[in-house]
C-alpha atoms as a PDB file:
ATOM      1  CA  UNK A   1      64.661  70.213  98.206  1.00  0.00           C
ATOM      2  CA  UNK A   2      67.395  72.779  98.761  1.00  0.00           C
ATOM      3  CA  UNK A   3      67.076  76.243  97.230  1.00  0.00           C
ATOM      4  CA  UNK A   4      69.714  76.494  94.466  1.00  0.00           C
ATOM      5  CA  UNK A   5      68.907  80.041  93.375  1.00  0.00           C
ATOM      6  CA  UNK A   6      71.865  82.482  92.997  1.00  0.00           C
ATOM      7  CA  UNK A   7      71.051  84.289  96.242  1.00  0.00           C
ATOM      8  CA  UNK A   8      71.051  81.174  98.422  1.00  0.00           C
ATOM      9  CA  UNK A   9      73.840  79.338 100.223  1.00  0.00           C
ATOM     10  CA  UNK A  10      73.811  75.592 100.748  1.00  0.00           C
ATOM     11  CA  UNK A  11      76.029  72.846 102.198  1.00  0.00           C
ATOM     12  CA  UNK A  12      78.771  71.446  99.978  1.00  0.00           C
ATOM     13  CA  UNK A  13      78.825  67.623 100.027  1.00  0.00           C
ATOM     14  CA  UNK A  14      81.753  65.966 101.801  1.00  0.00           C
ATOM     15  CA  UNK A  15      82.544  64.097  98.574  1.00  0.00           C
ATOM     16  CA  UNK A  16      84.439  67.141  97.309  1.00  0.00           C
ATOM     17  CA  UNK A  17      87.104  66.468  99.949  1.00  0.00           C
ATOM     18  CA  UNK A  18      87.987  63.161  98.284  1.00  0.00           C
ATOM     19  CA  UNK A  19      88.669  64.541  94.796  1.00  0.00           C
ATOM     20  CA  UNK A  20      92.425  64.092  94.875  1.00  0.00           C
ATOM     21  CA  UNK A  21      92.754  64.654  91.128  1.00  0.00           C
ATOM     22  CA  UNK A  22      91.528  68.275  91.228  1.00  0.00           C
ATOM     23  CA  UNK A  23      93.900  70.931  89.883  1.00  0.00           C
ATOM     24  CA  UNK A  24      91.550  73.936  89.982  1.00  0.00           C
ATOM     25  CA  UNK A  25      88.635  74.336  92.376  1.00  0.00           C
ATOM     26  CA  UNK A  26      86.090  77.173  92.219  1.00  0.00           C
ATOM     27  CA  UNK A  27      83.341  77.169  94.852  1.00  0.00           C
ATOM     28  CA  UNK A  28      80.512  79.720  95.019  1.00  0.00           C
ATOM     29  CA  UNK A  29      77.555  80.158  97.391  1.00  0.00           C
ATOM     30  CA  UNK A  30      78.302  77.102  99.524  1.00  0.00           C
ATOM     31  CA  UNK A  31      78.881  76.299 103.170  1.00  0.00           C
ATOM     32  CA  UNK A  32      82.182  74.433 103.153  1.00  0.00           C
ATOM     33  CA  UNK A  33      82.241  70.958 104.759  1.00  0.00           C
ATOM     34  CA  UNK A  34      83.545  70.489 108.292  1.00  0.00           C
ATOM     35  CA  UNK A  35      86.907  68.946 107.412  1.00  0.00           C
ATOM     36  CA  UNK A  36      87.658  67.783 110.952  1.00  0.00           C
ATOM     37  CA  UNK A  37      84.338  65.914 111.119  1.00  0.00           C
ATOM     38  CA  UNK A  38      84.966  64.461 107.670  1.00  0.00           C
ATOM     39  CA  UNK A  39      88.359  63.123 108.791  1.00  0.00           C
ATOM     40  CA  UNK A  40      86.723  61.527 111.829  1.00  0.00           C
ATOM     41  CA  UNK A  41      84.313  59.797 109.461  1.00  0.00           C
ATOM     42  CA  UNK A  42      87.247  58.346 107.558  1.00  0.00           C
ATOM     43  CA  UNK A  43      87.486  60.804 104.650  1.00  0.00           C
ATOM     44  CA  UNK A  44      91.014  61.275 103.343  1.00  0.00           C
ATOM     45  CA  UNK A  45      91.249  65.052 102.854  1.00  0.00           C
ATOM     46  CA  UNK A  46      94.097  65.575 100.395  1.00  0.00           C
ATOM     47  CA  UNK A  47      94.546  67.665  97.251  1.00  0.00           C
ATOM     48  CA  UNK A  48      98.065  66.816  96.061  1.00  0.00           C
ATOM     49  CA  UNK A  49      97.549  68.335  92.581  1.00  0.00           C
ATOM     50  CA  UNK A  50      95.454  71.408  93.442  1.00  0.00           C
ATOM     51  CA  UNK A  51      97.071  74.566  92.066  1.00  0.00           C
ATOM     52  CA  UNK A  52      94.243  77.120  92.304  1.00  0.00           C
ATOM     53  CA  UNK A  53      91.486  77.573  94.888  1.00  0.00           C
ATOM     54  CA  UNK A  54      88.831  80.278  94.481  1.00  0.00           C
ATOM     55  CA  UNK A  55      86.117  80.702  97.111  1.00  0.00           C
ATOM     56  CA  UNK A  56      83.232  82.932  96.016  1.00  0.00           C
ATOM     57  CA  UNK A  57      80.819  84.013  98.747  1.00  0.00           C
ATOM     58  CA  UNK A  58      81.493  80.746 100.548  1.00  0.00           C
ATOM     59  CA  UNK A  59      81.180  80.222 104.290  1.00  0.00           C
ATOM     60  CA  UNK A  60      84.297  78.578 105.701  1.00  0.00           C
ATOM     61  CA  UNK A  61      85.911  78.385 109.124  1.00  0.00           C
ATOM     62  CA  UNK A  62      89.474  79.405 109.838  1.00  0.00           C
ATOM     63  CA  UNK A  63      90.338  75.811 110.708  1.00  0.00           C
ATOM     64  CA  UNK A  64      88.913  74.445 107.445  1.00  0.00           C
ATOM     65  CA  UNK A  65      90.909  76.935 105.368  1.00  0.00           C
ATOM     66  CA  UNK A  66      94.093  76.066 107.245  1.00  0.00           C
ATOM     67  CA  UNK A  67      93.471  72.361 106.661  1.00  0.00           C
ATOM     68  CA  UNK A  68      92.901  73.007 102.947  1.00  0.00           C
ATOM     69  CA  UNK A  69      96.220  74.841 102.734  1.00  0.00           C
ATOM     70  CA  UNK A  70      98.041  72.074 104.566  1.00  0.00           C
ATOM     71  CA  UNK A  71      96.422  69.394 102.394  1.00  0.00           C
ATOM     72  CA  UNK A  72      97.207  71.242  99.150  1.00  0.00           C
ATOM     73  CA  UNK A  73     101.013  71.331  98.933  1.00  0.00           C
ATOM     74  CA  UNK A  74     100.955  72.298  95.230  1.00  0.00           C
ATOM     75  CA  UNK A  75      98.612  75.282  95.682  1.00  0.00           C
ATOM     76  CA  UNK A  76      99.865  78.395  93.879  1.00  0.00           C
ATOM     77  CA  UNK A  77      96.889  80.783  93.940  1.00  0.00           C
ATOM     78  CA  UNK A  78      94.267  81.403  96.626  1.00  0.00           C
ATOM     79  CA  UNK A  79      91.387  83.842  96.053  1.00  0.00           C
ATOM     80  CA  UNK A  80      88.685  84.842  98.528  1.00  0.00           C
ATOM     81  CA  UNK A  81      86.066  86.747  96.548  1.00  0.00           C
ATOM     82  CA  UNK A  82      83.033  88.527  98.046  1.00  0.00           C
ATOM     83  CA  UNK A  83      83.578  86.683 101.291  1.00  0.00           C
ATOM     84  CA  UNK A  84      83.054  87.353 105.005  1.00  0.00           C
ATOM     85  CA  UNK A  85      84.549  84.066 106.142  1.00  0.00           C
ATOM     86  CA  UNK A  86      86.891  83.090 107.532  1.00  0.00           C
ATOM     87  CA  UNK A  87      87.548  86.176 109.636  1.00  0.00           C
ATOM     88  CA  UNK A  88      91.184  85.188 110.148  1.00  0.00           C
ATOM     89  CA  UNK A  89      93.181  84.108 107.136  1.00  0.00           C
ATOM     90  CA  UNK A  90      96.559  82.551 107.879  1.00  0.00           C
ATOM     91  CA  UNK A  91      98.637  81.928 104.787  1.00  0.00           C
ATOM     92  CA  UNK A  92     101.000  79.021 104.621  1.00  0.00           C
ATOM     93  CA  UNK A  93     102.129  76.739 101.850  1.00  0.00           C
ATOM     94  CA  UNK A  94     105.416  75.714 100.231  1.00  0.00           C
ATOM     95  CA  UNK A  95     104.250  76.684  96.711  1.00  0.00           C
ATOM     96  CA  UNK A  96     101.729  79.480  97.382  1.00  0.00           C
ATOM     97  CA  UNK A  97     102.659  82.351  95.054  1.00  0.00           C
ATOM     98  CA  UNK A  98      99.556  84.547  94.942  1.00  0.00           C
ATOM     99  CA  UNK A  99      96.832  85.524  97.416  1.00  0.00           C
ATOM    100  CA  UNK A 100      93.848  87.748  96.601  1.00  0.00           C
ATOM    101  CA  UNK A 101      91.416  89.046  99.213  1.00  0.00           C
ATOM    102  CA  UNK A 102      88.869  90.667  96.928  1.00  0.00           C
ATOM    103  CA  UNK A 103      85.793  92.641  98.003  1.00  0.00           C
ATOM    104  CA  UNK A 104      85.972  90.596 101.177  1.00  0.00           C
ATOM    105  CA  UNK A 105      86.082  91.227 104.901  1.00  0.00           C
ATOM    106  CA  UNK A 106      88.444  89.805 107.470  1.00  0.00           C
ATOM    107  CA  UNK A 107      89.740  90.713 110.904  1.00  0.00           C
ATOM    108  CA  UNK A 108      93.216  89.495 110.097  1.00  0.00           C
ATOM    109  CA  UNK A 109      95.278  88.418 107.121  1.00  0.00           C
ATOM    110  CA  UNK A 110      98.589  86.886 108.177  1.00  0.00           C
ATOM    111  CA  UNK A 111     101.419  85.644 106.004  1.00  0.00           C
ATOM    112  CA  UNK A 112     102.632  82.966 108.408  1.00  0.00           C
ATOM    113  CA  UNK A 113     104.876  80.751 106.315  1.00  0.00           C
ATOM    114  CA  UNK A 114     104.748  81.276 102.563  1.00  0.00           C
ATOM    115  CA  UNK A 115     108.365  81.174 101.391  1.00  0.00           C
ATOM    116  CA  UNK A 116     107.604  81.723  97.675  1.00  0.00           C
ATOM    117  CA  UNK A 117     104.633  84.129  97.982  1.00  0.00           C
ATOM    118  CA  UNK A 118     105.109  86.788  95.297  1.00  0.00           C
ATOM    119  CA  UNK A 119     101.814  88.660  95.241  1.00  0.00           C
ATOM    120  CA  UNK A 120      99.419  89.800  97.973  1.00  0.00           C
ATOM    121  CA  UNK A 121      96.431  91.758  96.650  1.00  0.00           C
ATOM    122  CA  UNK A 122      93.855  93.460  98.891  1.00  0.00           C
ATOM    123  CA  UNK A 123      90.955  95.061  97.047  1.00  0.00           C
ATOM    124  CA  UNK A 124      87.969  96.739  98.708  1.00  0.00           C
ATOM    125  CA  UNK A 125      88.460  95.084 102.086  1.00  0.00           C
ATOM    126  CA  UNK A 126      86.831  97.714 104.338  1.00  0.00           C
ATOM    127  CA  UNK A 127      83.387  97.101 105.831  1.00  0.00           C
ATOM    128  CA  UNK A 128      82.048 100.593 105.155  1.00  0.00           C
ATOM    129  CA  UNK A 129      84.399 102.850 103.259  1.00  0.00           C
ATOM    130  CA  UNK A 130      82.152 105.860 103.859  1.00  0.00           C
ATOM    131  CA  UNK A 131      81.746 105.666 107.632  1.00  0.00           C
ATOM    132  CA  UNK A 132      85.402 105.104 108.443  1.00  0.00           C
ATOM    133  CA  UNK A 133      84.485 103.757 111.892  1.00  0.00           C
ATOM    134  CA  UNK A 134      85.063 100.050 111.330  1.00  0.00           C
ATOM    135  CA  UNK A 135      87.830  98.166 113.154  1.00  0.00           C
ATOM    136  CA  UNK A 136      91.005  98.040 111.015  1.00  0.00           C
ATOM    137  CA  UNK A 137      91.974  94.743 109.484  1.00  0.00           C
ATOM    138  CA  UNK A 138      95.342  93.517 110.711  1.00  0.00           C
ATOM    139  CA  UNK A 139      97.759  92.677 107.896  1.00  0.00           C
ATOM    140  CA  UNK A 140     100.697  90.628 109.197  1.00  0.00           C
ATOM    141  CA  UNK A 141     103.706  89.866 107.039  1.00  0.00           C
ATOM    142  CA  UNK A 142     106.273  87.383 108.256  1.00  0.00           C
ATOM    143  CA  UNK A 143     108.577  84.945 106.502  1.00  0.00           C
ATOM    144  CA  UNK A 144     107.684  86.128 102.982  1.00  0.00           C
ATOM    145  CA  UNK A 145     111.109  86.753 101.504  1.00  0.00           C
ATOM    146  CA  UNK A 146     109.876  86.541  97.885  1.00  0.00           C
ATOM    147  CA  UNK A 147     106.956  88.978  98.216  1.00  0.00           C
ATOM    148  CA  UNK A 148     107.229  91.306  95.230  1.00  0.00           C
ATOM    149  CA  UNK A 149     103.774  92.871  94.714  1.00  0.00           C
ATOM    150  CA  UNK A 150     101.648  94.274  97.556  1.00  0.00           C
ATOM    151  CA  UNK A 151      98.535  96.458  97.621  1.00  0.00           C
ATOM    152  CA  UNK A 152      96.231  98.175  98.058  1.00  0.00           C
ATOM    153  CA  UNK A 153      97.208  98.930 101.642  1.00  0.00           C
ATOM    154  CA  UNK A 154      94.967 101.548 103.244  1.00  0.00           C
ATOM    155  CA  UNK A 155      96.302 103.097 106.483  1.00  0.00           C
ATOM    156  CA  UNK A 156      92.741 104.110 107.356  1.00  0.00           C
ATOM    157  CA  UNK A 157      91.498 100.501 107.289  1.00  0.00           C
ATOM    158  CA  UNK A 158      94.620  98.327 107.610  1.00  0.00           C
ATOM    159  CA  UNK A 159      96.895  97.897 110.595  1.00  0.00           C
ATOM    160  CA  UNK A 160     100.225  96.730 109.214  1.00  0.00           C
ATOM    161  CA  UNK A 161     102.424  94.402 111.246  1.00  0.00           C
ATOM    162  CA  UNK A 162     105.814  93.210 110.024  1.00  0.00           C
ATOM    163  CA  UNK A 163     107.235  90.411 112.125  1.00  0.00           C
ATOM    164  CA  UNK A 164     106.430  91.443 115.683  1.00  0.00           C
ATOM    165  CA  UNK A 165     106.361  95.180 114.959  1.00  0.00           C
ATOM    166  CA  UNK A 166     103.090  97.066 114.483  1.00  0.00           C
ATOM    167  CA  UNK A 167     103.692  99.985 112.129  1.00  0.00           C
ATOM    168  CA  UNK A 168     102.476 103.386 113.264  1.00  0.00           C
ATOM    169  CA  UNK A 169     103.378 107.013 112.600  1.00  0.00           C
ATOM    170  CA  UNK A 170     106.191 106.882 115.166  1.00  0.00           C
ATOM    171  CA  UNK A 171     107.783 103.636 113.972  1.00  0.00           C
ATOM    172  CA  UNK A 172     111.473 104.069 113.199  1.00  0.00           C
ATOM    173  CA  UNK A 173     112.765 102.293 110.104  1.00  0.00           C
ATOM    174  CA  UNK A 174     114.969  99.305 110.882  1.00  0.00           C
ATOM    175  CA  UNK A 175     115.564  95.946 109.198  1.00  0.00           C
ATOM    176  CA  UNK A 176     113.098  94.117 111.437  1.00  0.00           C
ATOM    177  CA  UNK A 177     110.261  96.431 110.298  1.00  0.00           C
ATOM    178  CA  UNK A 178     111.001  96.186 106.569  1.00  0.00           C
ATOM    179  CA  UNK A 179     110.063  93.899 103.680  1.00  0.00           C
ATOM    180  CA  UNK A 180     112.971  94.417 101.321  1.00  0.00           C
ATOM    181  CA  UNK A 181     111.661  92.151  98.537  1.00  0.00           C
ATOM    182  CA  UNK A 182     108.644  94.319  97.559  1.00  0.00           C
ATOM    183  CA  UNK A 183     109.167  96.060  94.200  1.00  0.00           C
ATOM    184  CA  UNK A 184     105.586  97.136  93.376  1.00  0.00           C
ATOM    185  CA  UNK A 185     103.543  98.765  96.133  1.00  0.00           C
ATOM    186  CA  UNK A 186     100.004 100.186  95.990  1.00  0.00           C
ATOM    187  CA  UNK A 187      98.533 102.423  98.698  1.00  0.00           C
ATOM    188  CA  UNK A 188      95.243 104.278  99.108  1.00  0.00           C
ATOM    189  CA  UNK A 189      95.428 107.516 101.085  1.00  0.00           C
ATOM    190  CA  UNK A 190      93.987 111.009 101.281  1.00  0.00           C
ATOM    191  CA  UNK A 191      97.001 113.254 100.684  1.00  0.00           C
ATOM    192  CA  UNK A 192      95.172 116.123 102.353  1.00  0.00           C
ATOM    193  CA  UNK A 193      94.611 114.407 105.724  1.00  0.00           C
ATOM    194  CA  UNK A 194      97.349 114.640 108.342  1.00  0.00           C
ATOM    195  CA  UNK A 195      96.850 111.125 109.748  1.00  0.00           C
ATOM    196  CA  UNK A 196      96.930 109.602 106.268  1.00  0.00           C
ATOM    197  CA  UNK A 197     100.156 111.261 105.150  1.00  0.00           C
ATOM    198  CA  UNK A 198     101.815 110.473 108.487  1.00  0.00           C
ATOM    199  CA  UNK A 199     101.070 106.800 107.910  1.00  0.00           C
ATOM    200  CA  UNK A 200     101.986 107.048 104.232  1.00  0.00           C
ATOM    201  CA  UNK A 201     105.500 108.102 105.203  1.00  0.00           C
ATOM    202  CA  UNK A 202     105.743 105.271 107.763  1.00  0.00           C
ATOM    203  CA  UNK A 203     104.429 102.644 105.326  1.00  0.00           C
ATOM    204  CA  UNK A 204     106.891 103.729 102.629  1.00  0.00           C
ATOM    205  CA  UNK A 205     109.801 103.280 105.021  1.00  0.00           C
ATOM    206  CA  UNK A 206     108.788  99.622 105.450  1.00  0.00           C
ATOM    207  CA  UNK A 207     109.455  98.865 101.775  1.00  0.00           C
ATOM    208  CA  UNK A 208     112.908 100.298 101.001  1.00  0.00           C
ATOM    209  CA  UNK A 209     113.344  98.778  97.530  1.00  0.00           C
ATOM    210  CA  UNK A 210     110.048  99.734  95.862  1.00  0.00           C
ATOM    211  CA  UNK A 211     110.537 100.618  92.200  1.00  0.00           C
ATOM    212  CA  UNK A 212     106.904 101.231  91.185  1.00  0.00           C
ATOM    213  CA  UNK A 213     104.596 103.110  93.539  1.00  0.00           C
ATOM    214  CA  UNK A 214     100.843 103.322  92.967  1.00  0.00           C
ATOM    215  CA  UNK A 215      98.782 105.706  95.073  1.00  0.00           C
ATOM    216  CA  UNK A 216      95.013 105.937  94.812  1.00  0.00           C
ATOM    217  CA  UNK A 217      94.078 109.420  95.933  1.00  0.00           C
ATOM    218  CA  UNK A 218      91.189 109.044  98.360  1.00  0.00           C
ATOM    219  CA  UNK A 219      88.568 111.610  99.346  1.00  0.00           C
ATOM    220  CA  UNK A 220      87.803 109.947 102.700  1.00  0.00           C
ATOM    221  CA  UNK A 221      88.485 111.900 105.854  1.00  0.00           C
ATOM    222  CA  UNK A 222      88.261 115.580 106.729  1.00  0.00           C
ATOM    223  CA  UNK A 223      90.796 117.715 104.901  1.00  0.00           C
ATOM    224  CA  UNK A 224      92.066 120.583 107.043  1.00  0.00           C
ATOM    225  CA  UNK A 225      94.369 123.452 106.204  1.00  0.00           C
ATOM    226  CA  UNK A 226      98.009 122.532 106.755  1.00  0.00           C
ATOM    227  CA  UNK A 227     101.427 123.369 105.390  1.00  0.00           C
ATOM    228  CA  UNK A 228     102.054 120.371 103.139  1.00  0.00           C
ATOM    229  CA  UNK A 229     105.331 121.810 101.883  1.00  0.00           C
ATOM    230  CA  UNK A 230     106.632 122.084 105.435  1.00  0.00           C
ATOM    231  CA  UNK A 231     105.469 118.551 106.269  1.00  0.00           C
ATOM    232  CA  UNK A 232     107.202 116.897 103.334  1.00  0.00           C
ATOM    233  CA  UNK A 233     110.317 119.052 103.790  1.00  0.00           C
ATOM    234  CA  UNK A 234     110.656 117.792 107.352  1.00  0.00           C
ATOM    235  CA  UNK A 235     110.035 114.125 106.523  1.00  0.00           C
ATOM    236  CA  UNK A 236     113.079 111.967 107.206  1.00  0.00           C
ATOM    237  CA  UNK A 237     114.599 110.787 103.899  1.00  0.00           C
ATOM    238  CA  UNK A 238     112.595 107.780 102.679  1.00  0.00           C
ATOM    239  CA  UNK A 239     114.933 105.222 101.134  1.00  0.00           C
ATOM    240  CA  UNK A 240     112.633 103.851  98.428  1.00  0.00           C
ATOM    241  CA  UNK A 241     111.699 107.334  97.176  1.00  0.00           C
ATOM    242  CA  UNK A 242     115.235 108.649  97.221  1.00  0.00           C
ATOM    243  CA  UNK A 243     117.102 105.726  95.697  1.00  0.00           C
ATOM    244  CA  UNK A 244     114.764 103.195  94.063  1.00  0.00           C
ATOM    245  CA  UNK A 245     111.398 104.463  92.784  1.00  0.00           C
ATOM    246  CA  UNK A 246     111.401 104.639  88.982  1.00  0.00           C
ATOM    247  CA  UNK A 247     107.684 105.027  88.368  1.00  0.00           C
ATOM    248  CA  UNK A 248     104.912 106.637  90.379  1.00  0.00           C
ATOM    249  CA  UNK A 249     101.247 106.483  89.383  1.00  0.00           C
ATOM    250  CA  UNK A 250      98.597 108.601  91.106  1.00  0.00           C
ATOM    251  CA  UNK A 251      95.169 107.078  90.441  1.00  0.00           C
ATOM    252  CA  UNK A 252      91.973 109.119  90.897  1.00  0.00           C
ATOM    253  CA  UNK A 253      93.992 112.340  90.649  1.00  0.00           C
ATOM    254  CA  UNK A 254      91.843 115.366  91.509  1.00  0.00           C
ATOM    255  CA  UNK A 255      94.284 118.242  91.103  1.00  0.00           C
ATOM    256  CA  UNK A 256      94.169 119.193  94.789  1.00  0.00           C
ATOM    257  CA  UNK A 257      96.934 121.320  96.305  1.00  0.00           C
ATOM    258  CA  UNK A 258      97.942 118.486  98.633  1.00  0.00           C
ATOM    259  CA  UNK A 259      98.425 116.166  95.649  1.00  0.00           C
ATOM    260  CA  UNK A 260     100.644 118.661  93.839  1.00  0.00           C
ATOM    261  CA  UNK A 261     102.708 119.320  96.975  1.00  0.00           C
ATOM    262  CA  UNK A 262     103.338 115.592  97.338  1.00  0.00           C
ATOM    263  CA  UNK A 263     104.385 115.356  93.683  1.00  0.00           C
ATOM    264  CA  UNK A 264     106.805 118.267  94.125  1.00  0.00           C
ATOM    265  CA  UNK A 265     108.334 116.435  97.070  1.00  0.00           C
ATOM    266  CA  UNK A 266     108.714 113.322  94.904  1.00  0.00           C
ATOM    267  CA  UNK A 267     110.237 115.316  92.048  1.00  0.00           C
ATOM    268  CA  UNK A 268     112.863 116.869  94.289  1.00  0.00           C
ATOM    269  CA  UNK A 269     113.926 113.718  96.139  1.00  0.00           C
ATOM    270  CA  UNK A 270     113.490 110.790  93.735  1.00  0.00           C
ATOM    271  CA  UNK A 271     116.881 110.358  92.094  1.00  0.00           C
ATOM    272  CA  UNK A 272     115.885 107.319  89.986  1.00  0.00           C
ATOM    273  CA  UNK A 273     112.468 108.550  88.858  1.00  0.00           C
ATOM    274  CA  UNK A 274     111.713 107.978  85.165  1.00  0.00           C
ATOM    275  CA  UNK A 275     107.930 108.324  84.905  1.00  0.00           C
ATOM    276  CA  UNK A 276     105.268 110.224  86.813  1.00  0.00           C
ATOM    277  CA  UNK A 277     101.767 109.298  85.602  1.00  0.00           C
ATOM    278  CA  UNK A 278      98.630 111.087  86.798  1.00  0.00           C
ATOM    279  CA  UNK A 279      95.325 109.326  86.093  1.00  0.00           C
ATOM    280  CA  UNK A 280      92.388 111.692  86.420  1.00  0.00           C
ATOM    281  CA  UNK A 281      89.076 110.895  88.069  1.00  0.00           C
ATOM    282  CA  UNK A 282      86.082 110.224  85.856  1.00  0.00           C
ATOM    283  CA  UNK A 283      84.637 113.632  86.766  1.00  0.00           C
ATOM    284  CA  UNK A 284      87.834 115.497  85.881  1.00  0.00           C
ATOM    285  CA  UNK A 285      88.216 113.608  82.608  1.00  0.00           C
ATOM    286  CA  UNK A 286      84.687 114.563  81.531  1.00  0.00           C
ATOM    287  CA  UNK A 287      85.373 118.308  81.701  1.00  0.00           C
ATOM    288  CA  UNK A 288      87.693 119.970  79.191  1.00  0.00           C
ATOM    289  CA  UNK A 289      88.033 122.976  81.497  1.00  0.00           C
ATOM    290  CA  UNK A 290      89.033 120.756  84.421  1.00  0.00           C
ATOM    291  CA  UNK A 291      91.616 118.913  82.315  1.00  0.00           C
ATOM    292  CA  UNK A 292      93.043 122.211  81.078  1.00  0.00           C
ATOM    293  CA  UNK A 293      93.307 123.496  84.644  1.00  0.00           C
ATOM    294  CA  UNK A 294      95.274 120.407  85.731  1.00  0.00           C
ATOM    295  CA  UNK A 295      97.591 120.825  82.737  1.00  0.00           C
ATOM    296  CA  UNK A 296      98.092 124.486  83.637  1.00  0.00           C
ATOM    297  CA  UNK A 297      98.957 123.632  87.237  1.00  0.00           C
ATOM    298  CA  UNK A 298     101.392 120.967  86.043  1.00  0.00           C
ATOM    299  CA  UNK A 299     103.051 123.510  83.772  1.00  0.00           C
ATOM    300  CA  UNK A 300     103.584 126.223  86.356  1.00  0.00           C
ATOM    301  CA  UNK A 301     104.683 123.808  89.077  1.00  0.00           C
ATOM    302  CA  UNK A 302     107.025 121.516  87.181  1.00  0.00           C
ATOM    303  CA  UNK A 303     108.575 123.612  84.415  1.00  0.00           C
ATOM    304  CA  UNK A 304     111.689 124.551  86.387  1.00  0.00           C
ATOM    305  CA  UNK A 305     114.601 122.140  85.689  1.00  0.00           C
ATOM    306  CA  UNK A 306     116.079 122.727  89.133  1.00  0.00           C
ATOM    307  CA  UNK A 307     112.970 121.187  90.709  1.00  0.00           C
ATOM    308  CA  UNK A 308     113.817 117.713  89.463  1.00  0.00           C
ATOM    309  CA  UNK A 309     116.246 115.364  91.175  1.00  0.00           C
ATOM    310  CA  UNK A 310     116.879 113.700  87.800  1.00  0.00           C
ATOM    311  CA  UNK A 311     116.769 114.828  84.179  1.00  0.00           C
ATOM    312  CA  UNK A 312     115.534 111.416  82.955  1.00  0.00           C
ATOM    313  CA  UNK A 313     111.863 112.011  83.687  1.00  0.00           C
ATOM    314  CA  UNK A 314     108.572 111.915  81.780  1.00  0.00           C
ATOM    315  CA  UNK A 315     105.419 113.418  83.241  1.00  0.00           C
ATOM    316  CA  UNK A 316     102.131 112.189  81.778  1.00  0.00           C
ATOM    317  CA  UNK A 317      98.436 112.911  82.272  1.00  0.00           C
ATOM    318  CA  UNK A 318      95.792 110.312  81.444  1.00  0.00           C
ATOM    319  CA  UNK A 319      92.003 110.245  81.496  1.00  0.00           C
ATOM    320  CA  UNK A 320      89.805 108.125  83.726  1.00  0.00           C
ATOM    321  CA  UNK A 321      90.663 104.436  83.903  1.00  0.00           C
ATOM    322  CA  UNK A 322      87.106 103.363  84.747  1.00  0.00           C
ATOM    323  CA  UNK A 323      87.089 100.673  82.050  1.00  0.00           C
ATOM    324  CA  UNK A 324      90.457  99.403  83.231  1.00  0.00           C
ATOM    325  CA  UNK A 325      89.439  98.886  86.845  1.00  0.00           C
ATOM    326  CA  UNK A 326      91.475  96.319  88.727  1.00  0.00           C
ATOM    327  CA  UNK A 327      90.403  92.831  87.640  1.00  0.00           C
ATOM    328  CA  UNK A 328      90.911  89.842  89.920  1.00  0.00           C
ATOM    329  CA  UNK A 329      91.720  87.539  86.991  1.00  0.00           C
ATOM    330  CA  UNK A 330      94.470  89.899  85.852  1.00  0.00           C
ATOM    331  CA  UNK A 331      95.657  90.461  89.417  1.00  0.00           C
ATOM    332  CA  UNK A 332      96.174  86.729  89.903  1.00  0.00           C
ATOM    333  CA  UNK A 333      97.953  86.252  86.578  1.00  0.00           C
ATOM    334  CA  UNK A 334     101.611  85.998  87.536  1.00  0.00           C
ATOM    335  CA  UNK A 335     102.792  86.654  83.984  1.00  0.00           C
ATOM    336  CA  UNK A 336     101.376  90.204  84.347  1.00  0.00           C
ATOM    337  CA  UNK A 337     104.229  92.217  85.785  1.00  0.00           C
ATOM    338  CA  UNK A 338     102.163  95.012  87.325  1.00  0.00           C
ATOM    339  CA  UNK A 339      98.522  94.151  88.132  1.00  0.00           C
ATOM    340  CA  UNK A 340      97.720  97.747  89.150  1.00  0.00           C
ATOM    341  CA  UNK A 341      98.252  99.184  85.651  1.00  0.00           C
END
C-alpha cells in the first residue's frame, strides 16, 4: 500500500489524462504521469475545457508541462506552488492570462508564446535568500504584448532577458529591450547596495510605461558608504519615472538614508506622481519612537515645495502589512487590479 500521508509523494494514475471534462485541476504531492508514455499506450491526452491548473509540490518534467499546455487550449491560469519541478518552465498558450511561480524554484521561466498573458507573478523564487550564492533564475520575456502586471523581479536572483537581449547594468534602453505593455511592476532590491541600484535603474528602463511601481526594500547584501545623491543625479532620465509613474509603494521601509535619497530622486523627477506610500517593517511599526523618527525625517526632507516635480502629490506612511502578505489566490484573481497592494 502506498503511503498517503501529507509528507509523501506518490504516482498520479494515468486516468487523470483522460478527464476531458475538467475545468479546474489542482494536484498536490504527486509524481505526474509520463504523458509521452501514456500517448504510446493509446491514451488521448486532451483537456479542451481546462481553465485553471495548480500544481502543489508535484514532480513534473519539462516535457510533460509543455504537453499539458499544448493540450489545454482554454487554460487561463497556471500556478506552480512549492515546487522544484520542472526546472525549465516554458509558457505558451492562446488563452493563458496568468502565471504564478510561488515559493518555487526553477532555472528558467520563459514566456515563449503567450499572446494574451496579462500577469506574471514570481514570489519567493530564490533557493537560499540568505546566502545569495545560488545561480540566478533566468526570466525570459518574448511575444507577450498584453503583459500588464509583473513582479517581484529581484536583480540579485533573477537574470532578465527580453527577446534576445540579456539585461545588465550597461544595457542601453531601446525598443528591442523593452516591454511597453507593463503598467504595474514590483521589484525587490537593497537601495543601499551599488549592484542592486545599478540593476534597478536598468530594469526600470525596460518598462517605459509603468504607472504603479512597488519596491520591497531588501536587507540582503553588504551596504557600503556611497554618495546616493550623486548616483541618482547622474542616472540617465528613466522614462517610466519621468513621464508615467503615478504611484510608488516602498514595502518593508526601514528609514535608511539610501531609501530617502531614492525617494528624493523620485520626487524631483516624477512629473505624473500622485501618491508615494511607505509601508514600514514590522519592527519599525512596533516602536513609537521609530515611527516618530521616520515621520521627522519625512518632514525635514520633503517639506520644500520646490523639491517636487508635481504639486498633485500625497505622501503617506503605513504600518506593517504582515497580515496582508501577498496571497497566491488574490494574485491570480484577474479582477484584482493590483495584486501587490
